[in-house]
Structures are given as C-alpha cells and as structure tokens.
Amino acid sequence: NAKLLPFGLYDQWVPAFAALFAREGRDWPAFYAAVAALGQLPAEQRHAQLTTLQGDD
C-alpha cells in the first residue's frame, strides 16, 4: 500500500491541474508559472486553491 500512496495523491489533483492549465489558456509557460506560484503558498492555502480549481468546470 505504501508504494501505491503517491499514485493516489497524484490522481487526487489531476482535475485541478487540468483546470489550471485551461485557465492559463493552455499555455505551458503560463501554467508552469502558476504551478510555481501555487508551490510557494502555505499548505492550507495551496490545498484551498486546488480544491477551488477542482470545482471549476
């Protein structure tokens, strides 16, 4: 189970990152910059942002 944990964590946020990519106009440099900015946030804020992105359709 420990070996499968990273895959579950990865899969959890795929829709959020797909939404972020779409929000950034499907532009890879803009997406990478947005991801880097997300990575600088404190964990609680980052989680909130990702949760919000997952709700965006």
PDB file of N, CA and C in Angstrom:
ATOM      1  N   ASN A   1       0.805  -1.193   0.000  1.00  0.00           N
ATOM      2  CA  ASN A   1       0.000   0.000   0.000  1.00  0.00           C
ATOM      3  C   ASN A   1       0.855   1.266   0.000  1.00  0.00           C
ATOM      4  N   ALA A   2       1.964   1.230   0.700  1.00  0.00           N
ATOM      5  CA  ALA A   2       2.819   2.416   0.757  1.00  0.00           C
ATOM      6  C   ALA A   2       3.353   2.776  -0.630  1.00  0.00           C
ATOM      7  N   LYS A   3       3.574   1.770  -1.466  1.00  0.00           N
ATOM      8  CA  LYS A   3       4.070   2.033  -2.815  1.00  0.00           C
ATOM      9  C   LYS A   3       2.996   2.662  -3.697  1.00  0.00           C
ATOM     10  N   LEU A   4       1.723   2.436  -3.378  1.00  0.00           N
ATOM     11  CA  LEU A   4       0.630   2.976  -4.186  1.00  0.00           C
ATOM     12  C   LEU A   4       0.186   4.356  -3.730  1.00  0.00           C
ATOM     13  N   LEU A   5       0.568   4.756  -2.536  1.00  0.00           N
ATOM     14  CA  LEU A   5       0.134   6.042  -1.994  1.00  0.00           C
ATOM     15  C   LEU A   5       0.461   7.226  -2.900  1.00  0.00           C
ATOM     16  N   PRO A   6       1.667   7.340  -3.427  1.00  0.00           N
ATOM     17  CA  PRO A   6       1.955   8.500  -4.293  1.00  0.00           C
ATOM     18  C   PRO A   6       1.029   8.587  -5.502  1.00  0.00           C
ATOM     19  N   PHE A   7       0.606   7.441  -6.047  1.00  0.00           N
ATOM     20  CA  PHE A   7      -0.269   7.466  -7.208  1.00  0.00           C
ATOM     21  C   PHE A   7      -1.646   8.007  -6.834  1.00  0.00           C
ATOM     22  N   GLY A   8      -2.137   7.637  -5.669  1.00  0.00           N
ATOM     23  CA  GLY A   8      -3.418   8.157  -5.203  1.00  0.00           C
ATOM     24  C   GLY A   8      -3.354   9.647  -4.960  1.00  0.00           C
ATOM     25  N   LEU A   9      -2.251  10.114  -4.403  1.00  0.00           N
ATOM     26  CA  LEU A   9      -2.098  11.544  -4.166  1.00  0.00           C
ATOM     27  C   LEU A   9      -2.006  12.303  -5.476  1.00  0.00           C
ATOM     28  N   TYR A  10      -1.307  11.730  -6.440  1.00  0.00           N
ATOM     29  CA  TYR A  10      -1.191  12.354  -7.757  1.00  0.00           C
ATOM     30  C   TYR A  10      -2.570  12.444  -8.415  1.00  0.00           C
ATOM     31  N   ASP A  11      -3.280  11.324  -8.431  1.00  0.00           N
ATOM     32  CA  ASP A  11      -4.584  11.279  -9.092  1.00  0.00           C
ATOM     33  C   ASP A  11      -5.583  12.241  -8.465  1.00  0.00           C
ATOM     34  N   GLN A  12      -5.454  12.503  -7.187  1.00  0.00           N
ATOM     35  CA  GLN A  12      -6.382  13.367  -6.476  1.00  0.00           C
ATOM     36  C   GLN A  12      -6.453  14.758  -7.104  1.00  0.00           C
ATOM     37  N   TRP A  13      -5.324  15.287  -7.561  1.00  0.00           N
ATOM     38  CA  TRP A  13      -5.276  16.670  -8.027  1.00  0.00           C
ATOM     39  C   TRP A  13      -5.224  16.815  -9.542  1.00  0.00           C
ATOM     40  N   VAL A  14      -5.303  15.733 -10.288  1.00  0.00           N
ATOM     41  CA  VAL A  14      -5.256  15.825 -11.755  1.00  0.00           C
ATOM     42  C   VAL A  14      -6.332  16.775 -12.293  1.00  0.00           C
ATOM     43  N   PRO A  15      -7.582  16.667 -11.840  1.00  0.00           N
ATOM     44  CA  PRO A  15      -8.598  17.598 -12.359  1.00  0.00           C
ATOM     45  C   PRO A  15      -8.280  19.063 -12.040  1.00  0.00           C
ATOM     46  N   ALA A  16      -7.709  19.324 -10.875  1.00  0.00           N
ATOM     47  CA  ALA A  16      -7.356  20.696 -10.509  1.00  0.00           C
ATOM     48  C   ALA A  16      -6.272  21.237 -11.431  1.00  0.00           C
ATOM     49  N   PHE A  17      -5.260  20.435 -11.710  1.00  0.00           N
ATOM     50  CA  PHE A  17      -4.192  20.898 -12.591  1.00  0.00           C
ATOM     51  C   PHE A  17      -4.671  21.015 -14.036  1.00  0.00           C
ATOM     52  N   ALA A  18      -5.599  20.165 -14.442  1.00  0.00           N
ATOM     53  CA  ALA A  18      -6.190  20.296 -15.780  1.00  0.00           C
ATOM     54  C   ALA A  18      -6.967  21.606 -15.879  1.00  0.00           C
ATOM     55  N   ALA A  19      -7.698  21.952 -14.819  1.00  0.00           N
ATOM     56  CA  ALA A  19      -8.435  23.213 -14.800  1.00  0.00           C
ATOM     57  C   ALA A  19      -7.478  24.400 -14.805  1.00  0.00           C
ATOM     58  N   LEU A  20      -6.390  24.279 -14.078  1.00  0.00           N
ATOM     59  CA  LEU A  20      -5.393  25.352 -14.055  1.00  0.00           C
ATOM     60  C   LEU A  20      -4.775  25.530 -15.445  1.00  0.00           C
ATOM     61  N   PHE A  21      -4.484  24.445 -16.106  1.00  0.00           N
ATOM     62  CA  PHE A  21      -3.932  24.509 -17.462  1.00  0.00           C
ATOM     63  C   PHE A  21      -4.914  25.210 -18.402  1.00  0.00           C
ATOM     64  N   ALA A  22      -6.192  24.871 -18.293  1.00  0.00           N
ATOM     65  CA  ALA A  22      -7.213  25.516 -19.120  1.00  0.00           C
ATOM     66  C   ALA A  22      -7.328  26.995 -18.762  1.00  0.00           C
ATOM     67  N   ARG A  23      -7.302  27.306 -17.468  1.00  0.00           N
ATOM     68  CA  ARG A  23      -7.412  28.701 -17.026  1.00  0.00           C
ATOM     69  C   ARG A  23      -6.263  29.546 -17.567  1.00  0.00           C
ATOM     70  N   GLU A  24      -5.092  28.925 -17.712  1.00  0.00           N
ATOM     71  CA  GLU A  24      -3.918  29.641 -18.220  1.00  0.00           C
ATOM     72  C   GLU A  24      -3.854  29.640 -19.743  1.00  0.00           C
ATOM     73  N   GLY A  25      -4.975  29.306 -20.375  1.00  0.00           N
ATOM     74  CA  GLY A  25      -5.060  29.369 -21.832  1.00  0.00           C
ATOM     75  C   GLY A  25      -4.307  28.263 -22.540  1.00  0.00           C
ATOM     76  N   ARG A  26      -4.115  27.143 -21.834  1.00  0.00           N
ATOM     77  CA  ARG A  26      -3.373  26.005 -22.389  1.00  0.00           C
ATOM     78  C   ARG A  26      -1.968  26.415 -22.843  1.00  0.00           C
ATOM     79  N   ASP A  27      -1.429  27.380 -22.127  1.00  0.00           N
ATOM     80  CA  ASP A  27      -0.096  27.902 -22.404  1.00  0.00           C
ATOM     81  C   ASP A  27       0.864  27.312 -21.373  1.00  0.00           C
ATOM     82  N   TRP A  28       1.804  26.478 -21.842  1.00  0.00           N
ATOM     83  CA  TRP A  28       2.693  25.770 -20.913  1.00  0.00           C
ATOM     84  C   TRP A  28       3.514  26.702 -20.026  1.00  0.00           C
ATOM     85  N   PRO A  29       4.153  27.738 -20.548  1.00  0.00           N
ATOM     86  CA  PRO A  29       4.920  28.615 -19.651  1.00  0.00           C
ATOM     87  C   PRO A  29       4.040  29.282 -18.586  1.00  0.00           C
ATOM     88  N   ALA A  30       2.844  29.715 -18.977  1.00  0.00           N
ATOM     89  CA  ALA A  30       1.931  30.327 -18.004  1.00  0.00           C
ATOM     90  C   ALA A  30       1.486  29.301 -16.965  1.00  0.00           C
ATOM     91  N   PHE A  31       1.228  28.088 -17.412  1.00  0.00           N
ATOM     92  CA  PHE A  31       0.840  27.011 -16.491  1.00  0.00           C
ATOM     93  C   PHE A  31       1.961  26.732 -15.500  1.00  0.00           C
ATOM     94  N   TYR A  32       3.178  26.595 -15.990  1.00  0.00           N
ATOM     95  CA  TYR A  32       4.308  26.327 -15.092  1.00  0.00           C
ATOM     96  C   TYR A  32       4.500  27.449 -14.087  1.00  0.00           C
ATOM     97  N   ALA A  33       4.310  28.701 -14.512  1.00  0.00           N
ATOM     98  CA  ALA A  33       4.421  29.834 -13.600  1.00  0.00           C
ATOM     99  C   ALA A  33       3.323  29.782 -12.541  1.00  0.00           C
ATOM    100  N   ALA A  34       2.114  29.421 -12.945  1.00  0.00           N
ATOM    101  CA  ALA A  34       1.004  29.311 -11.997  1.00  0.00           C
ATOM    102  C   ALA A  34       1.248  28.181 -11.001  1.00  0.00           C
ATOM    103  N   VAL A  35       1.793  27.074 -11.475  1.00  0.00           N
ATOM    104  CA  VAL A  35       2.117  25.953 -10.584  1.00  0.00           C
ATOM    105  C   VAL A  35       3.220  26.359  -9.605  1.00  0.00           C
ATOM    106  N   ALA A  36       4.211  27.075 -10.090  1.00  0.00           N
ATOM    107  CA  ALA A  36       5.287  27.542  -9.212  1.00  0.00           C
ATOM    108  C   ALA A  36       4.732  28.473  -8.135  1.00  0.00           C
ATOM    109  N   ALA A  37       3.808  29.348  -8.520  1.00  0.00           N
ATOM    110  CA  ALA A  37       3.186  30.246  -7.550  1.00  0.00           C
ATOM    111  C   ALA A  37       2.383  29.454  -6.522  1.00  0.00           C
ATOM    112  N   LEU A  38       1.669  28.438  -6.984  1.00  0.00           N
ATOM    113  CA  LEU A  38       0.931  27.564  -6.062  1.00  0.00           C
ATOM    114  C   LEU A  38       1.888  26.899  -5.071  1.00  0.00           C
ATOM    115  N   GLY A  39       3.019  26.471  -5.574  1.00  0.00           N
ATOM    116  CA  GLY A  39       4.005  25.787  -4.739  1.00  0.00           C
ATOM    117  C   GLY A  39       4.597  26.673  -3.653  1.00  0.00           C
ATOM    118  N   GLN A  40       4.518  27.982  -3.834  1.00  0.00           N
ATOM    119  CA  GLN A  40       5.048  28.913  -2.835  1.00  0.00           C
ATOM    120  C   GLN A  40       4.055  29.205  -1.711  1.00  0.00           C
ATOM    121  N   LEU A  41       2.801  28.818  -1.918  1.00  0.00           N
ATOM    122  CA  LEU A  41       1.775  29.085  -0.907  1.00  0.00           C
ATOM    123  C   LEU A  41       1.930  28.149   0.293  1.00  0.00           C
ATOM    124  N   PRO A  42       1.498  28.609   1.470  1.00  0.00           N
ATOM    125  CA  PRO A  42       1.430  27.689   2.609  1.00  0.00           C
ATOM    126  C   PRO A  42       0.473  26.534   2.277  1.00  0.00           C
ATOM    127  N   ALA A  43       0.690  25.396   2.903  1.00  0.00           N
ATOM    128  CA  ALA A  43      -0.054  24.175   2.570  1.00  0.00           C
ATOM    129  C   ALA A  43      -1.569  24.378   2.593  1.00  0.00           C
ATOM    130  N   GLU A  44      -2.082  25.066   3.592  1.00  0.00           N
ATOM    131  CA  GLU A  44      -3.539  25.258   3.684  1.00  0.00           C
ATOM    132  C   GLU A  44      -4.074  26.071   2.522  1.00  0.00           C
ATOM    133  N   GLN A  45      -3.370  27.125   2.160  1.00  0.00           N
ATOM    134  CA  GLN A  45      -3.803  27.950   1.029  1.00  0.00           C
ATOM    135  C   GLN A  45      -3.693  27.190  -0.282  1.00  0.00           C
ATOM    136  N   ARG A  46      -2.614  26.427  -0.421  1.00  0.00           N
ATOM    137  CA  ARG A  46      -2.430  25.624  -1.639  1.00  0.00           C
ATOM    138  C   ARG A  46      -3.561  24.618  -1.780  1.00  0.00           C
ATOM    139  N   HIS A  47      -3.904  23.950  -0.691  1.00  0.00           N
ATOM    140  CA  HIS A  47      -4.989  22.966  -0.703  1.00  0.00           C
ATOM    141  C   HIS A  47      -6.310  23.643  -1.068  1.00  0.00           C
ATOM    142  N   ALA A  48      -6.550  24.818  -0.500  1.00  0.00           N
ATOM    143  CA  ALA A  48      -7.787  25.550  -0.803  1.00  0.00           C
ATOM    144  C   ALA A  48      -7.852  25.929  -2.278  1.00  0.00           C
ATOM    145  N   GLN A  49      -6.741  26.396  -2.818  1.00  0.00           N
ATOM    146  CA  GLN A  49      -6.701  26.776  -4.243  1.00  0.00           C
ATOM    147  C   GLN A  49      -6.968  25.561  -5.132  1.00  0.00           C
ATOM    148  N   LEU A  50      -6.333  24.444  -4.818  1.00  0.00           N
ATOM    149  CA  LEU A  50      -6.523  23.230  -5.623  1.00  0.00           C
ATOM    150  C   LEU A  50      -7.964  22.731  -5.523  1.00  0.00           C
ATOM    151  N   THR A  51      -8.527  22.811  -4.333  1.00  0.00           N
ATOM    152  CA  THR A  51      -9.917  22.388  -4.153  1.00  0.00           C
ATOM    153  C   THR A  51     -10.847  23.273  -4.963  1.00  0.00           C
ATOM    154  N   THR A  52     -10.595  24.575  -4.970  1.00  0.00           N
ATOM    155  CA  THR A  52     -11.390  25.502  -5.764  1.00  0.00           C
ATOM    156  C   THR A  52     -11.262  25.192  -7.252  1.00  0.00           C
ATOM    157  N   LEU A  53     -10.061  24.926  -7.696  1.00  0.00           N
ATOM    158  CA  LEU A  53      -9.840  24.593  -9.112  1.00  0.00           C
ATOM    159  C   LEU A  53     -10.591  23.337  -9.496  1.00  0.00           C
ATOM    160  N   GLN A  54     -10.633  22.358  -8.611  1.00  0.00           N
ATOM    161  CA  GLN A  54     -11.345  21.118  -8.915  1.00  0.00           C
ATOM    162  C   GLN A  54     -12.832  21.366  -9.091  1.00  0.00           C
ATOM    163  N   GLY A  55     -13.345  22.380  -8.401  1.00  0.00           N
ATOM    164  CA  GLY A  55     -14.766  22.686  -8.511  1.00  0.00           C
ATOM    165  C   GLY A  55     -15.098  23.481  -9.752  1.00  0.00           C
ATOM    166  N   ASP A  56     -14.081  24.086 -10.387  1.00  0.00           N
ATOM    167  CA  ASP A  56     -14.307  24.877 -11.618  1.00  0.00           C
ATOM    168  C   ASP A  56     -14.492  23.925 -12.782  1.00  0.00           C
ATOM    169  N   ASP A  57     -15.557  24.091 -13.478  1.00  0.00           N
ATOM    170  CA  ASP A  57     -15.795  23.235 -14.666  1.00  0.00           C
ATOM    171  C   ASP A  57     -15.956  24.079 -15.898  1.00  0.00           C
TER     172      ASP A  57
END
